Amino acid sequence: MADEITLSVIKADIGGYVGHSAIHPALIERAQEQLDIAQRRGTIMDFHVAYCGDDLQLIMTHQAGVDSSAIHGLAWQVFESCTEVARDLKLYGAGQDLLADAFSGNVRGMGPGVAEMAFRERTSEPVLIFMADKTAAGAWNMPLYRMFADPFNTAGLVISPTLHEGFRFEVHDVKGHKRITFDAPEEIYDLLVFIGATGRYAIKNVYSKSTGEIGAASSTERLSLIAGKYVGKDDPVCIVRSQGIFPAVGEVLEPFTMPHIVEGWMRGSHYGPLMPVSLRDAHPSRFDGPPRVVCLGFQLADGRLIGPRDMFDDPGFDEARHLCNVVSDHLRRHGPFEPHRLPADEMEYTTLPEVMRKLEGRWETL
């Protein structure tokens, strides 16, 4: 199609069933009803309602552009409506991610996570949408680096003329509210200086250097920084375009065969391996985890979402899942000790400081 379409993924935790483990079907049904009305009114072109753990995911196509108040307002309305259902069912943490009393033009900074990109559809447009639970925004740093900059992961960087020139990474300092861009492969070492510190720096967007087209977009919202206290983990989302001038589908999925360690898990206070799972297994329960990631694949056709395919519903990821359980066993044996528990500076954004304040008066000067 000639005109740009926008693909928006907006998510929120607005009530868990049971505890923080899953989404109640009634929330999905309410969201589908609301988005169906919006589609018939022409606000959106197509939609799909998904979940990962206790997070409700709204996947929408439209032509309103990135950061559209109409689209963000629609998502906020859906989340508010679903929160009413969650409260009626007494679901855990009903309305947890809605940190504002009323919508003010854009959901960024109001609690929900957002990943969006606008582009002109190619002849064939495969997109992969990753959704994670029990982890933080920086969880995408290593997979995105491997997809778009690591030739050991992405063979196309070496042998495909369309990828050989490399990619441009936009990195956000989520605490300093700044951004910077790096070109790969020329500035890989400089890029790694920052994205290895996943608690502060997050890859926001990735662009093709040869065409300037956007290839990936992620949510970088940090709930604790928005609320000023611990209200739950960020549970980020990420969109990746595939094939042609971008990595192939298999190259995009390959990073998740090595379950890297992410922050989150129980009470948002522990490190654990990110487990790639199918939708039927996207219900973390062991120690409220381990952290999960699901991937839904779509073909876009004039704004229509053809799919989804449950991309991690594949025995090829069985060993990754097995390794996650082995690593989880080892980390869990550390109990309240680092490196299972987050380091002190990260624990400032959990409920631990409330406990520490009670003990302040017992410290004596040496």
Protein backbone atom coordinates (compact mmCIF):
# COMPACT_ATOMS: atom_id res chain seq x y z
CA MET A 1 0.00 0.00 0.00
CA ALA A 2 1.22 3.52 -0.78
CA ASP A 3 0.38 5.25 2.51
CA GLU A 4 2.23 4.61 5.73
CA ILE A 5 0.62 2.35 8.28
CA THR A 6 1.41 2.40 11.97
CA LEU A 7 1.79 -0.75 14.03
CA SER A 8 1.18 -0.07 17.73
CA VAL A 9 1.60 -2.47 20.62
CA ILE A 10 0.35 -1.02 23.89
CA LYS A 11 0.28 -3.13 27.05
CA ALA A 12 -0.70 -2.84 30.69
CA ASP A 13 -1.08 -4.97 33.78
CA ILE A 14 -4.60 -4.22 34.91
CA GLY A 15 -5.32 -7.32 37.01
CA GLY A 16 -3.79 -10.75 37.53
CA TYR A 17 -5.46 -14.19 37.70
CA VAL A 18 -4.42 -15.88 40.03
CA GLY A 19 -2.04 -13.46 41.74
CA HIS A 20 0.41 -12.24 39.09
CA SER A 21 0.37 -15.41 36.98
CA ALA A 22 -2.15 -14.92 34.17
CA ILE A 23 -4.90 -12.89 32.49
CA HIS A 24 -8.54 -13.75 33.09
CA PRO A 25 -10.40 -14.50 29.81
CA ALA A 26 -13.00 -11.85 30.68
CA LEU A 27 -10.37 -9.11 30.26
CA ILE A 28 -9.45 -10.35 26.80
CA GLU A 29 -13.13 -10.53 25.84
CA ARG A 30 -13.78 -6.96 27.03
CA ALA A 31 -10.73 -5.66 25.13
CA GLN A 32 -11.83 -7.44 21.96
CA GLU A 33 -15.31 -5.93 22.25
CA GLN A 34 -13.90 -2.42 22.66
CA LEU A 35 -11.43 -2.72 19.78
CA ASP A 36 -14.05 -4.27 17.52
CA ILE A 37 -16.16 -1.14 17.98
CA ALA A 38 -13.12 1.05 17.22
CA GLN A 39 -12.41 -0.94 14.05
CA ARG A 40 -16.00 -0.58 12.81
CA ARG A 41 -15.77 3.17 13.45
CA GLY A 42 -12.57 3.36 11.37
CA THR A 43 -10.27 4.41 14.24
CA ILE A 44 -8.09 1.36 13.65
CA MET A 45 -7.58 -0.88 10.64
CA ASP A 46 -7.12 -4.18 12.44
CA PHE A 47 -6.27 -5.52 15.89
CA HIS A 48 -5.33 -8.56 17.91
CA VAL A 49 -5.62 -8.89 21.70
CA ALA A 50 -2.89 -10.98 23.30
CA TYR A 51 -1.33 -11.65 26.69
CA CYS A 52 1.86 -12.67 28.40
CA GLY A 53 1.52 -13.57 32.05
CA ASP A 54 -0.69 -10.96 33.71
CA ASP A 55 -0.21 -8.33 31.00
CA LEU A 56 -2.90 -7.41 28.46
CA GLN A 57 -1.46 -6.62 25.03
CA LEU A 58 -3.26 -4.52 22.40
CA ILE A 59 -1.81 -4.99 18.90
CA MET A 60 -3.29 -2.46 16.46
CA THR A 61 -2.75 -1.20 12.92
CA HIS A 62 -3.93 2.25 11.85
CA GLN A 63 -2.94 5.31 9.84
CA ALA A 64 -2.86 7.88 12.65
CA GLY A 65 0.93 7.77 13.09
CA VAL A 66 3.14 7.22 16.10
CA ASP A 67 2.06 8.84 19.40
CA SER A 68 -1.46 9.48 18.13
CA SER A 69 -3.71 10.81 20.90
CA ALA A 70 -6.66 9.00 19.28
CA ILE A 71 -4.92 5.61 19.38
CA HIS A 72 -3.37 6.11 22.80
CA GLY A 73 -6.71 7.38 24.09
CA LEU A 74 -8.40 4.27 22.72
CA ALA A 75 -5.88 2.04 24.51
CA TRP A 76 -6.39 3.94 27.78
CA GLN A 77 -10.16 3.59 27.39
CA VAL A 78 -9.80 -0.16 26.85
CA PHE A 79 -7.55 -0.51 29.90
CA GLU A 80 -9.97 1.47 32.05
CA SER A 81 -12.88 -0.66 30.87
CA CYS A 82 -10.95 -3.86 31.55
CA THR A 83 -9.99 -2.55 34.99
CA GLU A 84 -13.70 -2.34 35.83
CA VAL A 85 -13.98 -6.04 34.98
CA ALA A 86 -10.86 -6.82 37.01
CA ARG A 87 -12.23 -5.04 40.06
CA ASP A 88 -15.56 -6.82 39.74
CA LEU A 89 -13.70 -10.16 39.72
CA LYS A 90 -11.37 -8.95 42.51
CA LEU A 91 -8.35 -9.77 40.36
CA TYR A 92 -4.97 -9.04 41.91
CA GLY A 93 -3.56 -5.55 41.32
CA ALA A 94 -6.58 -4.28 39.38
CA GLY A 95 -5.60 -1.17 37.41
CA GLN A 96 -1.98 -1.53 38.60
CA ASP A 97 -0.32 0.06 35.56
CA LEU A 98 -2.75 2.98 35.22
CA LEU A 99 -0.72 5.51 37.17
CA ALA A 100 -2.77 8.58 36.20
CA ASP A 101 -6.33 9.49 37.09
CA ALA A 102 -7.24 10.54 33.56
CA PHE A 103 -5.86 10.35 30.02
CA SER A 104 -3.87 13.41 28.98
CA GLY A 105 -3.13 12.89 25.28
CA ASN A 106 -0.49 10.17 25.39
CA VAL A 107 -0.05 7.03 27.50
CA ARG A 108 3.74 7.45 27.61
CA GLY A 109 4.65 8.25 31.19
CA MET A 110 1.23 7.15 32.44
CA GLY A 111 2.09 3.50 33.13
CA PRO A 112 1.34 1.40 30.03
CA GLY A 113 4.23 0.23 27.83
CA VAL A 114 4.34 1.27 24.17
CA ALA A 115 6.19 0.06 21.08
CA GLU A 116 5.21 1.69 17.78
CA MET A 117 6.53 2.13 14.27
CA ALA A 118 5.24 3.73 11.08
CA PHE A 119 6.31 2.47 7.63
CA ARG A 120 5.16 1.69 4.11
CA GLU A 121 4.26 -1.95 3.67
CA ARG A 122 6.59 -3.94 1.48
CA THR A 123 5.45 -6.56 -1.03
CA SER A 124 5.71 -9.02 1.86
CA GLU A 125 5.81 -7.66 5.41
CA PRO A 126 6.54 -10.22 8.16
CA VAL A 127 6.56 -8.74 11.66
CA LEU A 128 7.41 -10.40 14.95
CA ILE A 129 5.97 -9.06 18.19
CA PHE A 130 7.74 -10.00 21.41
CA MET A 131 5.98 -9.67 24.76
CA ALA A 132 7.69 -10.31 28.10
CA ASP A 133 6.51 -10.73 31.67
CA LYS A 134 8.32 -10.44 35.01
CA THR A 135 11.19 -8.42 33.58
CA ALA A 136 12.33 -4.88 32.75
CA ALA A 137 12.71 -2.69 29.67
CA GLY A 138 16.42 -3.46 29.17
CA ALA A 139 15.61 -7.13 28.54
CA TRP A 140 15.61 -6.51 24.75
CA ASN A 141 19.16 -5.10 24.62
CA MET A 142 21.02 -8.37 24.11
CA PRO A 143 18.52 -9.93 21.67
CA LEU A 144 18.34 -6.76 19.53
CA TYR A 145 22.13 -6.49 19.49
CA ARG A 146 22.42 -10.11 18.35
CA MET A 147 19.71 -9.76 15.70
CA PHE A 148 21.09 -6.61 14.11
CA ALA A 149 24.82 -6.55 14.93
CA ASP A 150 26.16 -10.04 15.70
CA PRO A 151 27.35 -12.03 12.65
CA PHE A 152 27.53 -15.19 14.78
CA ASN A 153 23.75 -14.89 15.16
CA THR A 154 22.71 -13.23 11.90
CA ALA A 155 24.42 -14.75 8.89
CA GLY A 156 22.90 -12.10 6.64
CA LEU A 157 25.23 -9.47 8.09
CA VAL A 158 28.04 -11.34 6.35
CA ILE A 159 26.51 -12.88 3.24
CA SER A 160 23.49 -10.74 2.34
CA PRO A 161 24.12 -7.52 0.35
CA THR A 162 20.94 -5.99 1.80
CA LEU A 163 22.17 -6.35 5.41
CA HIS A 164 25.93 -6.01 4.95
CA GLU A 165 26.02 -2.24 5.49
CA GLY A 166 24.67 -2.69 9.03
CA PHE A 167 22.18 -0.93 11.27
CA ARG A 168 21.77 2.20 13.39
CA PHE A 169 20.80 1.83 17.07
CA GLU A 170 18.91 4.50 19.01
CA VAL A 171 19.67 4.08 22.72
CA HIS A 172 17.78 5.78 25.54
CA ASP A 173 19.14 6.69 28.96
CA VAL A 174 15.93 5.99 30.88
CA LYS A 175 17.19 7.68 34.05
CA GLY A 176 18.85 10.67 32.42
CA HIS A 177 16.06 11.16 29.83
CA LYS A 178 18.53 11.39 26.95
CA ARG A 179 19.19 9.47 23.75
CA ILE A 180 22.17 8.66 21.53
CA THR A 181 22.66 6.76 18.27
CA PHE A 182 25.38 4.32 17.23
CA ASP A 183 26.22 2.80 13.86
CA ALA A 184 27.05 -0.89 13.67
CA PRO A 185 29.48 -2.39 12.90
CA GLU A 186 31.69 0.74 13.14
CA GLU A 187 30.68 1.72 16.68
CA ILE A 188 29.90 -1.67 18.19
CA TYR A 189 32.33 -1.20 21.07
CA ASP A 190 30.86 2.20 21.90
CA LEU A 191 27.34 0.76 21.69
CA LEU A 192 28.23 -2.04 24.12
CA VAL A 193 29.58 0.46 26.66
CA PHE A 194 25.99 1.47 27.30
CA ILE A 195 23.57 -1.33 26.36
CA GLY A 196 25.38 -3.80 28.63
CA ALA A 197 24.02 -1.72 31.54
CA THR A 198 20.43 -2.82 31.00
CA GLY A 199 19.04 -1.14 34.11
CA ARG A 200 19.77 2.33 32.75
CA TYR A 201 20.19 2.11 28.97
CA ALA A 202 17.70 0.54 26.58
CA ILE A 203 17.62 0.14 22.79
CA LYS A 204 14.55 2.06 21.65
CA ASN A 205 14.72 1.75 17.85
CA VAL A 206 16.87 0.09 15.19
CA TYR A 207 17.13 1.43 11.62
CA SER A 208 18.57 0.12 8.37
CA LYS A 209 21.63 2.20 7.48
CA SER A 210 21.15 1.56 3.78
CA THR A 211 17.55 2.83 3.60
CA GLY A 212 16.83 4.56 6.91
CA GLU A 213 13.77 2.35 7.42
CA ILE A 214 12.86 1.34 10.94
CA GLY A 215 13.46 -2.33 11.72
CA ALA A 216 12.69 -2.60 15.43
CA ALA A 217 10.97 -0.63 18.18
CA SER A 218 10.68 -1.41 21.88
CA SER A 219 8.99 -0.07 24.97
CA THR A 220 11.45 1.63 27.34
CA GLU A 221 9.04 2.87 30.02
CA ARG A 222 10.31 2.21 33.57
CA LEU A 223 7.33 2.00 35.92
CA SER A 224 9.34 2.62 39.09
CA LEU A 225 10.81 5.83 37.66
CA ILE A 226 7.35 7.03 36.63
CA ALA A 227 5.65 6.22 39.92
CA GLY A 228 8.60 6.99 42.19
CA LYS A 229 8.12 3.63 43.91
CA TYR A 230 7.78 -0.06 43.08
CA VAL A 231 4.43 -0.79 41.41
CA GLY A 232 5.38 -3.85 39.36
CA LYS A 233 7.90 -4.69 36.66
CA ASP A 234 7.88 -3.03 33.22
CA ASP A 235 7.07 -6.21 31.25
CA PRO A 236 8.23 -4.72 27.94
CA VAL A 237 7.13 -5.29 24.33
CA CYS A 238 9.12 -5.15 21.10
CA ILE A 239 8.27 -5.11 17.38
CA VAL A 240 10.73 -6.44 14.79
CA ARG A 241 10.28 -6.32 11.01
CA SER A 242 11.84 -9.25 9.20
CA GLN A 243 13.20 -10.49 5.86
CA GLY A 244 14.51 -8.43 2.93
CA ILE A 245 16.61 -5.56 4.27
CA PHE A 246 16.13 -6.90 7.81
CA PRO A 247 17.23 -10.15 9.47
CA ALA A 248 15.32 -13.30 8.48
CA VAL A 249 12.66 -14.69 10.83
CA GLY A 250 15.02 -17.41 12.02
CA GLU A 251 17.75 -14.86 12.70
CA VAL A 252 15.36 -12.74 14.74
CA LEU A 253 14.34 -15.72 16.88
CA GLU A 254 17.82 -17.22 17.30
CA PRO A 255 18.97 -14.97 20.22
CA PHE A 256 16.35 -16.57 22.45
CA THR A 257 18.02 -19.99 22.21
CA MET A 258 20.44 -18.62 24.83
CA PRO A 259 18.28 -17.62 27.82
CA HIS A 260 20.04 -14.48 28.98
CA ILE A 261 19.73 -13.19 32.54
CA VAL A 262 17.28 -10.34 33.13
CA GLU A 263 16.07 -8.43 36.16
CA GLY A 264 12.58 -8.94 37.51
CA TRP A 265 11.13 -12.27 38.65
CA MET A 266 9.68 -12.33 42.20
CA ARG A 267 8.70 -8.85 43.47
CA GLY A 268 10.79 -7.37 40.67
CA SER A 269 13.81 -7.91 42.89
CA HIS A 270 15.71 -10.85 41.39
CA TYR A 271 17.73 -11.88 38.37
CA GLY A 272 16.54 -14.84 36.32
CA PRO A 273 16.76 -16.38 32.83
CA LEU A 274 14.31 -15.20 30.15
CA MET A 275 12.38 -18.29 29.04
CA PRO A 276 10.96 -18.39 25.47
CA VAL A 277 7.54 -20.05 25.64
CA SER A 278 4.39 -20.63 23.64
CA LEU A 279 1.22 -18.80 24.64
CA ARG A 280 -0.09 -21.84 26.49
CA ASP A 281 2.97 -21.68 28.77
CA ALA A 282 2.96 -17.90 29.23
CA HIS A 283 1.71 -18.20 32.82
CA PRO A 284 4.71 -17.75 35.14
CA SER A 285 4.13 -19.34 38.53
CA ARG A 286 7.39 -20.68 39.98
CA PHE A 287 8.59 -17.88 42.30
CA ASP A 288 6.30 -15.78 40.06
CA GLY A 289 8.51 -16.76 37.14
CA PRO A 290 10.93 -17.50 35.66
CA PRO A 291 10.62 -14.40 33.40
CA ARG A 292 8.80 -15.29 30.17
CA VAL A 293 8.83 -14.08 26.57
CA VAL A 294 6.33 -14.98 23.86
CA CYS A 295 6.52 -14.10 20.18
CA LEU A 296 3.60 -13.70 17.81
CA GLY A 297 4.30 -13.57 14.08
CA PHE A 298 2.08 -11.77 11.56
CA GLN A 299 2.08 -11.05 7.85
CA LEU A 300 0.72 -7.57 7.17
CA ALA A 301 -1.58 -7.24 4.16
CA ASP A 302 -2.82 -3.68 3.55
CA GLY A 303 -2.92 -3.10 7.28
CA ARG A 304 -4.56 -6.44 8.08
CA LEU A 305 -2.88 -8.64 10.68
CA ILE A 306 -2.63 -12.08 9.05
CA GLY A 307 -2.00 -14.42 11.97
CA PRO A 308 -0.80 -14.84 14.57
CA ARG A 309 1.68 -17.69 14.52
CA ASP A 310 2.94 -18.70 17.96
CA MET A 311 6.64 -18.58 17.06
CA PHE A 312 8.09 -20.18 20.22
CA ASP A 313 5.68 -23.13 19.96
CA ASP A 314 8.58 -25.12 18.54
CA PRO A 315 10.65 -28.01 19.95
CA GLY A 316 13.70 -26.14 18.64
CA PHE A 317 13.46 -24.05 21.84
CA ASP A 318 13.13 -27.04 24.18
CA GLU A 319 16.80 -26.95 25.16
CA ALA A 320 16.57 -23.23 25.91
CA ARG A 321 13.63 -23.92 28.20
CA HIS A 322 15.51 -26.78 29.86
CA LEU A 323 18.54 -24.54 30.41
CA CYS A 324 16.25 -21.90 31.93
CA ASN A 325 15.13 -24.39 34.54
CA VAL A 326 18.71 -25.43 35.30
CA VAL A 327 19.82 -21.80 35.69
CA SER A 328 16.70 -21.05 37.74
CA ASP A 329 17.52 -23.87 40.15
CA HIS A 330 21.04 -22.53 40.62
CA LEU A 331 19.99 -18.92 41.14
CA ARG A 332 17.15 -19.85 43.51
CA ARG A 333 19.63 -21.60 45.80
CA HIS A 334 21.19 -18.17 46.46
CA GLY A 335 17.97 -17.08 48.16
CA PRO A 336 18.28 -13.46 49.41
CA PHE A 337 21.93 -13.16 48.38
CA GLU A 338 23.27 -11.45 45.28
CA PRO A 339 23.60 -12.25 42.39
CA HIS A 340 20.07 -13.70 42.62
CA ARG A 341 18.76 -10.63 44.43
CA LEU A 342 19.33 -7.37 42.55
CA PRO A 343 22.24 -5.14 43.64
CA ALA A 344 21.57 -2.41 46.20
CA ASP A 345 21.17 0.46 43.71
CA GLU A 346 18.45 -1.42 41.84
CA MET A 347 16.74 -2.48 45.06
CA GLU A 348 16.08 1.22 45.70
CA TYR A 349 13.18 0.84 43.27
CA THR A 350 11.59 -2.07 45.14
CA THR A 351 9.81 -2.32 48.50
CA LEU A 352 13.07 -3.08 50.38
CA PRO A 353 13.77 0.59 51.32
CA GLU A 354 10.58 0.58 53.41
CA VAL A 355 12.04 -2.24 55.51
CA MET A 356 15.48 -0.58 55.74
CA ARG A 357 14.01 2.70 56.99
CA LYS A 358 12.64 0.92 60.06
CA LEU A 359 16.18 -0.12 60.97
CA GLU A 360 17.96 3.20 60.37
CA GLY A 361 18.05 4.10 64.07
CA ARG A 362 19.93 0.94 65.01
CA TRP A 363 23.07 1.84 63.04
CA GLU A 364 26.00 3.12 65.14
CA THR A 365 28.85 5.30 63.89
CA LEU A 366 32.22 3.49 63.77
